[in-house]
Amino acid sequence: MHGERRRIYDLFVLNIALQLFDAVATYQGLTIGVKEANPLLVNAFHWLGVGPTLLLFKAKACGLLFLLSRSWQHRLVVPVLSFLAWVYVSFSLLPWLTKFSLLFVTIIRA
């Protein structure tokens, strides 16, 4: 794989991993009583249930990431994949890691 295509592939894999992390963290967070902040998900939870909703939303996100990564010739693919990774690190990975770390510290101190 050449430089630009390899970079797109790496960003695609990173974004898929962030989607999977977000799904698992959201599911686990809900089981311990953390409230979901996304109103679209909260509404869909009532209609479809938590598991099917997360599966549906994450499948859609992964499918769109796949389509985006297949457009490797376009000059905006790398910036868009980079931006999406930054968004999920900032608004999913770091907040969930913080919540779970605080929970862990609380359990250890008890």
PDB file of N, CA and C in Angstrom:
ATOM      1  N   MET A   1       0.837  -1.173   0.000  1.00  0.00           N
ATOM      2  CA  MET A   1       0.000   0.000   0.000  1.00  0.00           C
ATOM      3  C   MET A   1       0.888   1.245   0.000  1.00  0.00           C
ATOM      4  N   HIS A   2       0.530   2.204  -0.821  1.00  0.00           N
ATOM      5  CA  HIS A   2       1.319   3.424  -0.920  1.00  0.00           C
ATOM      6  C   HIS A   2       0.921   4.414   0.164  1.00  0.00           C
ATOM      7  N   GLY A   3       1.709   5.466   0.338  1.00  0.00           N
ATOM      8  CA  GLY A   3       1.595   6.415   1.432  1.00  0.00           C
ATOM      9  C   GLY A   3       0.197   6.933   1.735  1.00  0.00           C
ATOM     10  N   GLU A   4      -0.437   7.568   0.764  1.00  0.00           N
ATOM     11  CA  GLU A   4      -1.752   8.180   1.000  1.00  0.00           C
ATOM     12  C   GLU A   4      -2.823   7.119   1.253  1.00  0.00           C
ATOM     13  N   ARG A   5      -2.794   6.042   0.488  1.00  0.00           N
ATOM     14  CA  ARG A   5      -3.777   4.968   0.700  1.00  0.00           C
ATOM     15  C   ARG A   5      -3.571   4.295   2.049  1.00  0.00           C
ATOM     16  N   ARG A   6      -2.311   4.144   2.457  1.00  0.00           N
ATOM     17  CA  ARG A   6      -2.029   3.547   3.768  1.00  0.00           C
ATOM     18  C   ARG A   6      -2.540   4.459   4.889  1.00  0.00           C
ATOM     19  N   ARG A   7      -2.357   5.754   4.724  1.00  0.00           N
ATOM     20  CA  ARG A   7      -2.837   6.714   5.729  1.00  0.00           C
ATOM     21  C   ARG A   7      -4.360   6.652   5.843  1.00  0.00           C
ATOM     22  N   ILE A   8      -5.039   6.579   4.707  1.00  0.00           N
ATOM     23  CA  ILE A   8      -6.504   6.469   4.712  1.00  0.00           C
ATOM     24  C   ILE A   8      -6.927   5.167   5.385  1.00  0.00           C
ATOM     25  N   TYR A   9      -6.243   4.082   5.074  1.00  0.00           N
ATOM     26  CA  TYR A   9      -6.554   2.793   5.697  1.00  0.00           C
ATOM     27  C   TYR A   9      -6.370   2.865   7.214  1.00  0.00           C
ATOM     28  N   ASP A  10      -5.265   3.448   7.653  1.00  0.00           N
ATOM     29  CA  ASP A  10      -5.003   3.575   9.094  1.00  0.00           C
ATOM     30  C   ASP A  10      -6.076   4.428   9.773  1.00  0.00           C
ATOM     31  N   LEU A  11      -6.457   5.535   9.141  1.00  0.00           N
ATOM     32  CA  LEU A  11      -7.505   6.386   9.706  1.00  0.00           C
ATOM     33  C   LEU A  11      -8.856   5.665   9.716  1.00  0.00           C
ATOM     34  N   PHE A  12      -9.122   4.876   8.692  1.00  0.00           N
ATOM     35  CA  PHE A  12     -10.355   4.085   8.641  1.00  0.00           C
ATOM     36  C   PHE A  12     -10.394   3.094   9.798  1.00  0.00           C
ATOM     37  N   VAL A  13      -9.309   2.360  10.012  1.00  0.00           N
ATOM     38  CA  VAL A  13      -9.244   1.377  11.099  1.00  0.00           C
ATOM     39  C   VAL A  13      -9.374   2.075  12.458  1.00  0.00           C
ATOM     40  N   LEU A  14      -8.720   3.218  12.623  1.00  0.00           N
ATOM     41  CA  LEU A  14      -8.833   3.980  13.864  1.00  0.00           C
ATOM     42  C   LEU A  14     -10.285   4.385  14.113  1.00  0.00           C
ATOM     43  N   ASN A  15     -10.953   4.885  13.082  1.00  0.00           N
ATOM     44  CA  ASN A  15     -12.345   5.306  13.230  1.00  0.00           C
ATOM     45  C   ASN A  15     -13.269   4.133  13.542  1.00  0.00           C
ATOM     46  N   ILE A  16     -13.028   2.987  12.935  1.00  0.00           N
ATOM     47  CA  ILE A  16     -13.837   1.798  13.234  1.00  0.00           C
ATOM     48  C   ILE A  16     -13.621   1.393  14.690  1.00  0.00           C
ATOM     49  N   ALA A  17     -12.372   1.411  15.141  1.00  0.00           N
ATOM     50  CA  ALA A  17     -12.070   1.069  16.541  1.00  0.00           C
ATOM     51  C   ALA A  17     -12.759   2.047  17.492  1.00  0.00           C
ATOM     52  N   LEU A  18     -12.773   3.325  17.152  1.00  0.00           N
ATOM     53  CA  LEU A  18     -13.444   4.319  17.996  1.00  0.00           C
ATOM     54  C   LEU A  18     -14.957   4.094  18.019  1.00  0.00           C
ATOM     55  N   GLN A  19     -15.527   3.689  16.890  1.00  0.00           N
ATOM     56  CA  GLN A  19     -16.959   3.369  16.851  1.00  0.00           C
ATOM     57  C   GLN A  19     -17.275   2.177  17.752  1.00  0.00           C
ATOM     58  N   LEU A  20     -16.442   1.149  17.668  1.00  0.00           N
ATOM     59  CA  LEU A  20     -16.650  -0.036  18.505  1.00  0.00           C
ATOM     60  C   LEU A  20     -16.488   0.304  19.983  1.00  0.00           C
ATOM     61  N   PHE A  21     -15.465   1.087  20.303  1.00  0.00           N
ATOM     62  CA  PHE A  21     -15.284   1.517  21.687  1.00  0.00           C
ATOM     63  C   PHE A  21     -16.506   2.277  22.168  1.00  0.00           C
ATOM     64  N   ASP A  22     -17.004   3.210  21.357  1.00  0.00           N
ATOM     65  CA  ASP A  22     -18.150   4.020  21.747  1.00  0.00           C
ATOM     66  C   ASP A  22     -19.376   3.146  21.998  1.00  0.00           C
ATOM     67  N   ALA A  23     -19.592   2.156  21.155  1.00  0.00           N
ATOM     68  CA  ALA A  23     -20.750   1.267  21.332  1.00  0.00           C
ATOM     69  C   ALA A  23     -20.643   0.482  22.633  1.00  0.00           C
ATOM     70  N   VAL A  24     -19.499  -0.121  22.880  1.00  0.00           N
ATOM     71  CA  VAL A  24     -19.307  -0.921  24.094  1.00  0.00           C
ATOM     72  C   VAL A  24     -19.356  -0.035  25.334  1.00  0.00           C
ATOM     73  N   ALA A  25     -18.690   1.116  25.281  1.00  0.00           N
ATOM     74  CA  ALA A  25     -18.677   2.024  26.434  1.00  0.00           C
ATOM     75  C   ALA A  25     -20.077   2.552  26.723  1.00  0.00           C
ATOM     76  N   THR A  26     -20.814   2.886  25.687  1.00  0.00           N
ATOM     77  CA  THR A  26     -22.184   3.359  25.878  1.00  0.00           C
ATOM     78  C   THR A  26     -23.045   2.278  26.515  1.00  0.00           C
ATOM     79  N   TYR A  27     -22.947   1.071  25.999  1.00  0.00           N
ATOM     80  CA  TYR A  27     -23.734  -0.034  26.549  1.00  0.00           C
ATOM     81  C   TYR A  27     -23.370  -0.277  28.015  1.00  0.00           C
ATOM     82  N   GLN A  28     -22.079  -0.339  28.307  1.00  0.00           N
ATOM     83  CA  GLN A  28     -21.636  -0.561  29.682  1.00  0.00           C
ATOM     84  C   GLN A  28     -22.008   0.617  30.578  1.00  0.00           C
ATOM     85  N   GLY A  29     -21.857   1.820  30.062  1.00  0.00           N
ATOM     86  CA  GLY A  29     -22.220   3.000  30.842  1.00  0.00           C
ATOM     87  C   GLY A  29     -23.693   3.013  31.198  1.00  0.00           C
ATOM     88  N   LEU A  30     -24.531   2.646  30.249  1.00  0.00           N
ATOM     89  CA  LEU A  30     -25.965   2.595  30.524  1.00  0.00           C
ATOM     90  C   LEU A  30     -26.298   1.545  31.574  1.00  0.00           C
ATOM     91  N   THR A  31     -25.564   0.434  31.573  1.00  0.00           N
ATOM     92  CA  THR A  31     -25.840  -0.619  32.559  1.00  0.00           C
ATOM     93  C   THR A  31     -25.463  -0.198  33.975  1.00  0.00           C
ATOM     94  N   ILE A  32     -24.553   0.787  34.107  1.00  0.00           N
ATOM     95  CA  ILE A  32     -24.192   1.254  35.455  1.00  0.00           C
ATOM     96  C   ILE A  32     -24.893   2.554  35.818  1.00  0.00           C
ATOM     97  N   GLY A  33     -25.816   3.000  34.966  1.00  0.00           N
ATOM     98  CA  GLY A  33     -26.631   4.158  35.306  1.00  0.00           C
ATOM     99  C   GLY A  33     -26.215   5.484  34.721  1.00  0.00           C
ATOM    100  N   VAL A  34     -25.241   5.506  33.832  1.00  0.00           N
ATOM    101  CA  VAL A  34     -24.850   6.757  33.178  1.00  0.00           C
ATOM    102  C   VAL A  34     -25.901   7.078  32.115  1.00  0.00           C
ATOM    103  N   LYS A  35     -26.306   8.324  32.045  1.00  0.00           N
ATOM    104  CA  LYS A  35     -27.316   8.743  31.068  1.00  0.00           C
ATOM    105  C   LYS A  35     -26.665   9.033  29.715  1.00  0.00           C
ATOM    106  N   GLU A  36     -27.348   8.651  28.647  1.00  0.00           N
ATOM    107  CA  GLU A  36     -26.891   8.947  27.287  1.00  0.00           C
ATOM    108  C   GLU A  36     -27.185  10.413  26.987  1.00  0.00           C
ATOM    109  N   ALA A  37     -26.223  11.110  26.404  1.00  0.00           N
ATOM    110  CA  ALA A  37     -26.368  12.535  26.112  1.00  0.00           C
ATOM    111  C   ALA A  37     -26.960  12.801  24.728  1.00  0.00           C
ATOM    112  N   ASN A  38     -26.895  11.820  23.826  1.00  0.00           N
ATOM    113  CA  ASN A  38     -27.387  12.019  22.466  1.00  0.00           C
ATOM    114  C   ASN A  38     -28.897  11.808  22.433  1.00  0.00           C
ATOM    115  N   PRO A  39     -29.680  12.870  22.175  1.00  0.00           N
ATOM    116  CA  PRO A  39     -31.140  12.723  22.190  1.00  0.00           C
ATOM    117  C   PRO A  39     -31.674  11.783  21.105  1.00  0.00           C
ATOM    118  N   LEU A  40     -30.981  11.679  19.985  1.00  0.00           N
ATOM    119  CA  LEU A  40     -31.416  10.739  18.947  1.00  0.00           C
ATOM    120  C   LEU A  40     -31.331   9.298  19.447  1.00  0.00           C
ATOM    121  N   LEU A  41     -30.237   8.973  20.121  1.00  0.00           N
ATOM    122  CA  LEU A  41     -30.088   7.628  20.674  1.00  0.00           C
ATOM    123  C   LEU A  41     -31.099   7.370  21.775  1.00  0.00           C
ATOM    124  N   VAL A  42     -31.289   8.341  22.657  1.00  0.00           N
ATOM    125  CA  VAL A  42     -32.240   8.171  23.767  1.00  0.00           C
ATOM    126  C   VAL A  42     -33.630   7.870  23.220  1.00  0.00           C
ATOM    127  N   ASN A  43     -34.034   8.599  22.206  1.00  0.00           N
ATOM    128  CA  ASN A  43     -35.351   8.370  21.597  1.00  0.00           C
ATOM    129  C   ASN A  43     -35.416   6.990  20.941  1.00  0.00           C
ATOM    130  N   ALA A  44     -34.363   6.618  20.234  1.00  0.00           N
ATOM    131  CA  ALA A  44     -34.346   5.309  19.565  1.00  0.00           C
ATOM    132  C   ALA A  44     -34.303   4.169  20.579  1.00  0.00           C
ATOM    133  N   PHE A  45     -33.672   4.381  21.741  1.00  0.00           N
ATOM    134  CA  PHE A  45     -33.655   3.351  22.785  1.00  0.00           C
ATOM    135  C   PHE A  45     -35.071   2.963  23.176  1.00  0.00           C
ATOM    136  N   HIS A  46     -35.959   3.940  23.250  1.00  0.00           N
ATOM    137  CA  HIS A  46     -37.344   3.671  23.647  1.00  0.00           C
ATOM    138  C   HIS A  46     -38.089   2.861  22.595  1.00  0.00           C
ATOM    139  N   TRP A  47     -37.755   3.054  21.338  1.00  0.00           N
ATOM    140  CA  TRP A  47     -38.449   2.364  20.253  1.00  0.00           C
ATOM    141  C   TRP A  47     -37.862   0.987  19.970  1.00  0.00           C
ATOM    142  N   LEU A  48     -36.524   0.877  19.971  1.00  0.00           N
ATOM    143  CA  LEU A  48     -35.877  -0.360  19.525  1.00  0.00           C
ATOM    144  C   LEU A  48     -35.174  -1.133  20.638  1.00  0.00           C
ATOM    145  N   GLY A  49     -34.878  -0.474  21.737  1.00  0.00           N
ATOM    146  CA  GLY A  49     -34.062  -1.081  22.779  1.00  0.00           C
ATOM    147  C   GLY A  49     -32.613  -0.638  22.610  1.00  0.00           C
ATOM    148  N   VAL A  50     -31.835  -0.812  23.666  1.00  0.00           N
ATOM    149  CA  VAL A  50     -30.458  -0.311  23.671  1.00  0.00           C
ATOM    150  C   VAL A  50     -29.572  -1.069  22.687  1.00  0.00           C
ATOM    151  N   GLY A  51     -29.548  -2.398  22.787  1.00  0.00           N
ATOM    152  CA  GLY A  51     -28.672  -3.193  21.929  1.00  0.00           C
ATOM    153  C   GLY A  51     -28.934  -2.987  20.440  1.00  0.00           C
ATOM    154  N   PRO A  52     -30.184  -3.174  19.985  1.00  0.00           N
ATOM    155  CA  PRO A  52     -30.465  -2.971  18.563  1.00  0.00           C
ATOM    156  C   PRO A  52     -30.182  -1.543  18.084  1.00  0.00           C
ATOM    157  N   THR A  53     -30.466  -0.558  18.933  1.00  0.00           N
ATOM    158  CA  THR A  53     -30.201   0.829  18.546  1.00  0.00           C
ATOM    159  C   THR A  53     -28.711   1.064  18.346  1.00  0.00           C
ATOM    160  N   LEU A  54     -27.900   0.617  19.301  1.00  0.00           N
ATOM    161  CA  LEU A  54     -26.451   0.792  19.161  1.00  0.00           C
ATOM    162  C   LEU A  54     -25.929   0.051  17.939  1.00  0.00           C
ATOM    163  N   LEU A  55     -26.422  -1.155  17.723  1.00  0.00           N
ATOM    164  CA  LEU A  55     -25.996  -1.932  16.555  1.00  0.00           C
ATOM    165  C   LEU A  55     -26.359  -1.211  15.259  1.00  0.00           C
ATOM    166  N   LEU A  56     -27.562  -0.710  15.182  1.00  0.00           N
ATOM    167  CA  LEU A  56     -28.025  -0.014  13.978  1.00  0.00           C
ATOM    168  C   LEU A  56     -27.226   1.272  13.734  1.00  0.00           C
ATOM    169  N   PHE A  57     -27.070   2.095  14.769  1.00  0.00           N
ATOM    170  CA  PHE A  57     -26.366   3.367  14.601  1.00  0.00           C
ATOM    171  C   PHE A  57     -24.887   3.155  14.283  1.00  0.00           C
ATOM    172  N   LYS A  58     -24.267   2.178  14.920  1.00  0.00           N
ATOM    173  CA  LYS A  58     -22.848   1.943  14.677  1.00  0.00           C
ATOM    174  C   LYS A  58     -22.624   1.270  13.323  1.00  0.00           C
ATOM    175  N   ALA A  59     -23.543   0.414  12.908  1.00  0.00           N
ATOM    176  CA  ALA A  59     -23.434  -0.186  11.570  1.00  0.00           C
ATOM    177  C   ALA A  59     -23.529   0.898  10.497  1.00  0.00           C
ATOM    178  N   LYS A  60     -24.440   1.843  10.702  1.00  0.00           N
ATOM    179  CA  LYS A  60     -24.570   2.956   9.760  1.00  0.00           C
ATOM    180  C   LYS A  60     -23.286   3.778   9.726  1.00  0.00           C
ATOM    181  N   ALA A  61     -22.749   4.096  10.898  1.00  0.00           N
ATOM    182  CA  ALA A  61     -21.519   4.892  10.959  1.00  0.00           C
ATOM    183  C   ALA A  61     -20.361   4.160  10.291  1.00  0.00           C
ATOM    184  N   CYS A  62     -20.224   2.866  10.567  1.00  0.00           N
ATOM    185  CA  CYS A  62     -19.130   2.090   9.963  1.00  0.00           C
ATOM    186  C   CYS A  62     -19.298   1.976   8.454  1.00  0.00           C
ATOM    187  N   GLY A  63     -20.534   1.823   8.004  1.00  0.00           N
ATOM    188  CA  GLY A  63     -20.797   1.781   6.565  1.00  0.00           C
ATOM    189  C   GLY A  63     -20.420   3.082   5.884  1.00  0.00           C
ATOM    190  N   LEU A  64     -20.759   4.193   6.510  1.00  0.00           N
ATOM    191  CA  LEU A  64     -20.396   5.490   5.942  1.00  0.00           C
ATOM    192  C   LEU A  64     -18.884   5.709   5.960  1.00  0.00           C
ATOM    193  N   LEU A  65     -18.229   5.246   7.017  1.00  0.00           N
ATOM    194  CA  LEU A  65     -16.762   5.326   7.058  1.00  0.00           C
ATOM    195  C   LEU A  65     -16.147   4.500   5.928  1.00  0.00           C
ATOM    196  N   PHE A  66     -16.715   3.325   5.681  1.00  0.00           N
ATOM    197  CA  PHE A  66     -16.220   2.479   4.595  1.00  0.00           C
ATOM    198  C   PHE A  66     -16.368   3.186   3.249  1.00  0.00           C
ATOM    199  N   LEU A  67     -17.546   3.754   2.999  1.00  0.00           N
ATOM    200  CA  LEU A  67     -17.763   4.461   1.735  1.00  0.00           C
ATOM    201  C   LEU A  67     -16.807   5.644   1.590  1.00  0.00           C
ATOM    202  N   LEU A  68     -16.607   6.355   2.677  1.00  0.00           N
ATOM    203  CA  LEU A  68     -15.675   7.485   2.647  1.00  0.00           C
ATOM    204  C   LEU A  68     -14.261   7.015   2.340  1.00  0.00           C
ATOM    205  N   SER A  69     -13.834   5.946   2.987  1.00  0.00           N
ATOM    206  CA  SER A  69     -12.469   5.458   2.765  1.00  0.00           C
ATOM    207  C   SER A  69     -12.264   4.929   1.350  1.00  0.00           C
ATOM    208  N   ARG A  70     -13.335   4.474   0.707  1.00  0.00           N
ATOM    209  CA  ARG A  70     -13.233   3.977  -0.672  1.00  0.00           C
ATOM    210  C   ARG A  70     -13.059   5.119  -1.671  1.00  0.00           C
ATOM    211  N   SER A  71     -13.307   6.344  -1.246  1.00  0.00           N
ATOM    212  CA  SER A  71     -13.126   7.517  -2.102  1.00  0.00           C
ATOM    213  C   SER A  71     -11.734   8.105  -1.893  1.00  0.00           C
ATOM    214  N   TRP A  72     -10.744   7.235  -1.822  1.00  0.00           N
ATOM    215  CA  TRP A  72      -9.391   7.637  -1.455  1.00  0.00           C
ATOM    216  C   TRP A  72      -8.780   8.671  -2.392  1.00  0.00           C
ATOM    217  N   GLN A  73      -9.287   8.789  -3.618  1.00  0.00           N
ATOM    218  CA  GLN A  73      -8.713   9.748  -4.562  1.00  0.00           C
ATOM    219  C   GLN A  73      -9.068  11.190  -4.211  1.00  0.00           C
ATOM    220  N   HIS A  74     -10.148  11.381  -3.487  1.00  0.00           N
ATOM    221  CA  HIS A  74     -10.598  12.737  -3.164  1.00  0.00           C
ATOM    222  C   HIS A  74      -9.694  13.368  -2.104  1.00  0.00           C
ATOM    223  N   ARG A  75      -9.363  14.618  -2.290  1.00  0.00           N
ATOM    224  CA  ARG A  75      -8.404  15.291  -1.407  1.00  0.00           C
ATOM    225  C   ARG A  75      -8.933  15.543   0.000  1.00  0.00           C
ATOM    226  N   LEU A  76     -10.246  15.457   0.206  1.00  0.00           N
ATOM    227  CA  LEU A  76     -10.809  15.734   1.525  1.00  0.00           C
ATOM    228  C   LEU A  76     -10.953  14.500   2.412  1.00  0.00           C
ATOM    229  N   VAL A  77     -10.652  13.321   1.882  1.00  0.00           N
ATOM    230  CA  VAL A  77     -10.864  12.091   2.657  1.00  0.00           C
ATOM    231  C   VAL A  77      -9.986  12.071   3.908  1.00  0.00           C
ATOM    232  N   VAL A  78      -8.716  12.365   3.794  1.00  0.00           N
ATOM    233  CA  VAL A  78      -7.819  12.348   4.955  1.00  0.00           C
ATOM    234  C   VAL A  78      -8.250  13.390   5.993  1.00  0.00           C
ATOM    235  N   PRO A  79      -8.507  14.641   5.600  1.00  0.00           N
ATOM    236  CA  PRO A  79      -8.951  15.607   6.617  1.00  0.00           C
ATOM    237  C   PRO A  79     -10.273  15.219   7.287  1.00  0.00           C
ATOM    238  N   VAL A  80     -11.213  14.668   6.525  1.00  0.00           N
ATOM    239  CA  VAL A  80     -12.505  14.286   7.106  1.00  0.00           C
ATOM    240  C   VAL A  80     -12.334  13.112   8.068  1.00  0.00           C
ATOM    241  N   LEU A  81     -11.592  12.088   7.673  1.00  0.00           N
ATOM    242  CA  LEU A  81     -11.357  10.950   8.570  1.00  0.00           C
ATOM    243  C   LEU A  81     -10.586  11.388   9.818  1.00  0.00           C
ATOM    244  N   SER A  82      -9.650  12.302   9.660  1.00  0.00           N
ATOM    245  CA  SER A  82      -8.905  12.826  10.807  1.00  0.00           C
ATOM    246  C   SER A  82      -9.821  13.602  11.746  1.00  0.00           C
ATOM    247  N   PHE A  83     -10.676  14.424  11.181  1.00  0.00           N
ATOM    248  CA  PHE A  83     -11.619  15.202  11.977  1.00  0.00           C
ATOM    249  C   PHE A  83     -12.585  14.281  12.737  1.00  0.00           C
ATOM    250  N   LEU A  84     -13.112  13.268  12.056  1.00  0.00           N
ATOM    251  CA  LEU A  84     -14.031  12.338  12.716  1.00  0.00           C
ATOM    252  C   LEU A  84     -13.351  11.606  13.863  1.00  0.00           C
ATOM    253  N   ALA A  85     -12.101  11.208  13.666  1.00  0.00           N
ATOM    254  CA  ALA A  85     -11.363  10.552  14.748  1.00  0.00           C
ATOM    255  C   ALA A  85     -11.187  11.514  15.914  1.00  0.00           C
ATOM    256  N   TRP A  86     -10.848  12.765  15.638  1.00  0.00           N
ATOM    257  CA  TRP A  86     -10.696  13.766  16.690  1.00  0.00           C
ATOM    258  C   TRP A  86     -12.003  13.955  17.456  1.00  0.00           C
ATOM    259  N   VAL A  87     -13.125  14.004  16.738  1.00  0.00           N
ATOM    260  CA  VAL A  87     -14.432  14.173  17.384  1.00  0.00           C
ATOM    261  C   VAL A  87     -14.712  13.007  18.328  1.00  0.00           C
ATOM    262  N   TYR A  88     -14.482  11.773  17.881  1.00  0.00           N
ATOM    263  CA  TYR A  88     -14.770  10.617  18.726  1.00  0.00           C
ATOM    264  C   TYR A  88     -13.785  10.476  19.881  1.00  0.00           C
ATOM    265  N   VAL A  89     -12.555  10.885  19.687  1.00  0.00           N
ATOM    266  CA  VAL A  89     -11.612  10.884  20.812  1.00  0.00           C
ATOM    267  C   VAL A  89     -12.051  11.928  21.838  1.00  0.00           C
ATOM    268  N   SER A  90     -12.443  13.100  21.366  1.00  0.00           N
ATOM    269  CA  SER A  90     -12.810  14.203  22.261  1.00  0.00           C
ATOM    270  C   SER A  90     -14.143  13.999  22.967  1.00  0.00           C
ATOM    271  N   PHE A  91     -15.132  13.467  22.245  1.00  0.00           N
ATOM    272  CA  PHE A  91     -16.487  13.408  22.793  1.00  0.00           C
ATOM    273  C   PHE A  91     -16.949  12.009  23.172  1.00  0.00           C
ATOM    274  N   SER A  92     -16.099  11.013  22.995  1.00  0.00           N
ATOM    275  CA  SER A  92     -16.453   9.655  23.413  1.00  0.00           C
ATOM    276  C   SER A  92     -15.331   9.028  24.225  1.00  0.00           C
ATOM    277  N   LEU A  93     -14.179   8.838  23.616  1.00  0.00           N
ATOM    278  CA  LEU A  93     -13.087   8.130  24.280  1.00  0.00           C
ATOM    279  C   LEU A  93     -12.673   8.804  25.590  1.00  0.00           C
ATOM    280  N   LEU A  94     -12.331  10.077  25.532  1.00  0.00           N
ATOM    281  CA  LEU A  94     -11.874  10.772  26.743  1.00  0.00           C
ATOM    282  C   LEU A  94     -12.967  10.872  27.817  1.00  0.00           C
ATOM    283  N   PRO A  95     -14.203  11.264  27.463  1.00  0.00           N
ATOM    284  CA  PRO A  95     -15.236  11.302  28.511  1.00  0.00           C
ATOM    285  C   PRO A  95     -15.521   9.935  29.137  1.00  0.00           C
ATOM    286  N   TRP A  96     -15.613   8.883  28.311  1.00  0.00           N
ATOM    287  CA  TRP A  96     -15.889   7.554  28.865  1.00  0.00           C
ATOM    288  C   TRP A  96     -14.721   7.060  29.712  1.00  0.00           C
ATOM    289  N   LEU A  97     -13.502   7.276  29.249  1.00  0.00           N
ATOM    290  CA  LEU A  97     -12.349   6.862  30.049  1.00  0.00           C
ATOM    291  C   LEU A  97     -12.316   7.602  31.384  1.00  0.00           C
ATOM    292  N   THR A  98     -12.681   8.871  31.362  1.00  0.00           N
ATOM    293  CA  THR A  98     -12.731   9.646  32.604  1.00  0.00           C
ATOM    294  C   THR A  98     -13.792   9.080  33.550  1.00  0.00           C
ATOM    295  N   LYS A  99     -14.992   8.824  33.013  1.00  0.00           N
ATOM    296  CA  LYS A  99     -16.071   8.273  33.853  1.00  0.00           C
ATOM    297  C   LYS A  99     -15.695   6.919  34.428  1.00  0.00           C
ATOM    298  N   PHE A 100     -15.176   6.045  33.594  1.00  0.00           N
ATOM    299  CA  PHE A 100     -14.815   4.712  34.066  1.00  0.00           C
ATOM    300  C   PHE A 100     -13.636   4.763  35.038  1.00  0.00           C
ATOM    301  N   SER A 101     -12.697   5.671  34.813  1.00  0.00           N
ATOM    302  CA  SER A 101     -11.554   5.816  35.737  1.00  0.00           C
ATOM    303  C   SER A 101     -12.018   6.307  37.100  1.00  0.00           C
ATOM    304  N   LEU A 102     -12.914   7.283  37.111  1.00  0.00           N
ATOM    305  CA  LEU A 102     -13.448   7.782  38.382  1.00  0.00           C
ATOM    306  C   LEU A 102     -14.230   6.701  39.108  1.00  0.00           C
ATOM    307  N   LEU A 103     -14.982   5.917  38.358  1.00  0.00           N
ATOM    308  CA  LEU A 103     -15.723   4.803  38.956  1.00  0.00           C
ATOM    309  C   LEU A 103     -14.755   3.785  39.550  1.00  0.00           C
ATOM    310  N   PHE A 104     -13.695   3.490  38.826  1.00  0.00           N
ATOM    311  CA  PHE A 104     -12.685   2.546  39.294  1.00  0.00           C
ATOM    312  C   PHE A 104     -12.029   3.040  40.577  1.00  0.00           C
ATOM    313  N   VAL A 105     -11.678   4.321  40.612  1.00  0.00           N
ATOM    314  CA  VAL A 105     -11.056   4.905  41.807  1.00  0.00           C
ATOM    315  C   VAL A 105     -12.032   4.843  42.986  1.00  0.00           C
ATOM    316  N   THR A 106     -13.297   5.120  42.736  1.00  0.00           N
ATOM    317  CA  THR A 106     -14.308   5.052  43.794  1.00  0.00           C
ATOM    318  C   THR A 106     -14.434   3.640  44.338  1.00  0.00           C
ATOM    319  N   ILE A 107     -14.401   2.648  43.471  1.00  0.00           N
ATOM    320  CA  ILE A 107     -14.498   1.252  43.900  1.00  0.00           C
ATOM    321  C   ILE A 107     -13.266   0.854  44.698  1.00  0.00           C
ATOM    322  N   ILE A 108     -12.094   1.267  44.255  1.00  0.00           N
ATOM    323  CA  ILE A 108     -10.836   0.917  44.940  1.00  0.00           C
ATOM    324  C   ILE A 108     -10.821   1.521  46.355  1.00  0.00           C
ATOM    325  N   ARG A 109     -11.303   2.754  46.479  1.00  0.00           N
ATOM    326  CA  ARG A 109     -11.285   3.427  47.783  1.00  0.00           C
ATOM    327  C   ARG A 109     -12.330   2.869  48.740  1.00  0.00           C
ATOM    328  N   ALA A 110     -13.335   2.221  48.219  1.00  0.00           N
ATOM    329  CA  ALA A 110     -14.427   1.717  49.094  1.00  0.00           C
ATOM    330  C   ALA A 110     -14.024   0.493  49.873  1.00  0.00           C
TER     331      ALA A 110
END
